[in-house]
Amino acid sequence: MRNVLIIALVLLVTACSKPESSTPAFESVESLAANPERLKELRAQCKADHDQVGDAQCNAVAEATRQRFMGSGTPYTPRPAASAVSAPTASASS
């Protein structure tokens, strides 16, 4: 009876453990932006087989690529050119 209880306990612990995943862990945007070689590899993998890599990882790759390209993300704020925007003068030529 004691052996059956031990076996049942071992099976219960084994069944509750996390399964081994065959896919690598999700890589964050920050780690990809800091590692351009890995970013390049994952961009190629996303292009070749998006379904196998996964939406979340490919979205992180796209965001890391955007951050590397755009930098800190300073918004574009155009300044109006004073000389280009001049009001037409009314001429009194009749």
Protein backbone atom coordinates (compact mmCIF):
# COMPACT_ATOMS: atom_id res chain seq x y z
CA MET A 1 0.00 0.00 0.00
CA ARG A 2 2.85 2.36 0.83
CA ASN A 3 4.49 1.72 -2.57
CA VAL A 4 1.25 2.57 -4.39
CA LEU A 5 1.03 5.87 -2.50
CA ILE A 6 4.63 6.77 -3.40
CA ILE A 7 4.07 5.90 -7.06
CA ALA A 8 0.88 7.98 -7.13
CA LEU A 9 2.72 10.92 -5.56
CA VAL A 10 5.55 10.68 -8.12
CA LEU A 11 3.05 10.54 -11.00
CA LEU A 12 1.21 13.56 -9.60
CA VAL A 13 4.40 15.61 -9.31
CA THR A 14 5.48 14.56 -12.81
CA ALA A 15 2.12 15.50 -14.29
CA CYS A 16 2.16 18.95 -12.65
CA SER A 17 5.62 19.94 -13.85
CA LYS A 18 5.98 22.33 -16.76
CA PRO A 19 6.49 20.63 -20.10
CA GLU A 20 9.74 21.15 -21.97
CA SER A 21 9.14 23.56 -24.81
CA SER A 22 10.81 22.91 -28.12
CA THR A 23 10.67 26.59 -29.10
CA PRO A 24 13.20 29.05 -27.69
CA ALA A 25 12.10 31.70 -25.24
CA PHE A 26 10.54 34.91 -26.49
CA GLU A 27 13.18 37.58 -27.09
CA SER A 28 12.29 41.09 -25.99
CA VAL A 29 12.40 44.20 -28.14
CA GLU A 30 15.17 45.68 -26.01
CA SER A 31 17.42 42.62 -26.32
CA LEU A 32 16.87 42.46 -30.07
CA ALA A 33 17.58 46.17 -30.53
CA ALA A 34 20.84 45.71 -28.62
CA ASN A 35 21.91 42.67 -30.68
CA PRO A 36 21.78 43.47 -34.42
CA GLU A 37 23.09 40.04 -35.50
CA ARG A 38 20.28 38.21 -33.70
CA LEU A 39 17.78 40.76 -35.02
CA LYS A 40 18.94 40.07 -38.57
CA GLU A 41 18.60 36.29 -38.04
CA LEU A 42 15.07 36.60 -36.66
CA ARG A 43 14.01 39.00 -39.43
CA ALA A 44 15.07 36.37 -41.98
CA GLN A 45 13.24 33.63 -40.05
CA CYS A 46 10.07 35.74 -39.86
CA LYS A 47 10.27 36.41 -43.58
CA ALA A 48 10.82 32.72 -44.41
CA ASP A 49 8.32 31.12 -42.01
CA HIS A 50 6.19 33.58 -40.04
CA ASP A 51 3.88 30.85 -38.67
CA GLN A 52 6.73 28.83 -37.18
CA VAL A 53 8.36 31.85 -35.48
CA GLY A 54 5.06 33.24 -34.24
CA ASP A 55 3.21 36.54 -34.37
CA ALA A 56 4.45 37.82 -31.01
CA GLN A 57 8.13 37.26 -31.83
CA CYS A 58 7.82 38.70 -35.35
CA ASN A 59 6.04 41.76 -33.94
CA ALA A 60 8.90 42.21 -31.45
CA VAL A 61 11.38 41.92 -34.33
CA ALA A 62 9.50 44.58 -36.29
CA GLU A 63 9.38 46.91 -33.28
CA ALA A 64 13.11 46.44 -32.58
CA THR A 65 13.88 47.19 -36.23
CA ARG A 66 11.74 50.33 -36.03
CA GLN A 67 13.47 51.45 -32.83
CA ARG A 68 16.92 50.93 -34.35
CA PHE A 69 15.91 52.89 -37.45
CA MET A 70 14.00 55.72 -35.78
CA GLY A 71 16.23 56.09 -32.73
CA SER A 72 14.63 57.66 -29.69
CA GLY A 73 11.50 58.47 -31.64
CA THR A 74 11.75 62.26 -31.58
CA PRO A 75 8.62 63.45 -33.37
CA TYR A 76 8.87 65.55 -36.49
CA THR A 77 8.03 69.15 -35.69
CA PRO A 78 8.37 71.37 -38.74
CA ARG A 79 9.08 75.05 -38.30
CA PRO A 80 7.30 77.36 -40.70
CA ALA A 81 9.66 79.32 -42.88
CA ALA A 82 9.01 83.03 -42.30
CA SER A 83 10.22 84.11 -45.72
CA ALA A 84 8.24 81.49 -47.60
CA VAL A 85 4.97 82.36 -45.92
CA SER A 86 4.41 85.97 -46.79
CA ALA A 87 1.03 87.55 -47.28
CA PRO A 88 0.45 88.95 -50.75
CA THR A 89 0.39 92.72 -50.81
CA ALA A 90 -2.56 94.41 -52.34
CA SER A 91 -1.53 96.66 -55.18
CA ALA A 92 -3.65 99.57 -56.21
CA SER A 93 -3.03 99.37 -59.92
CA SER A 94 -6.15 99.99 -61.92
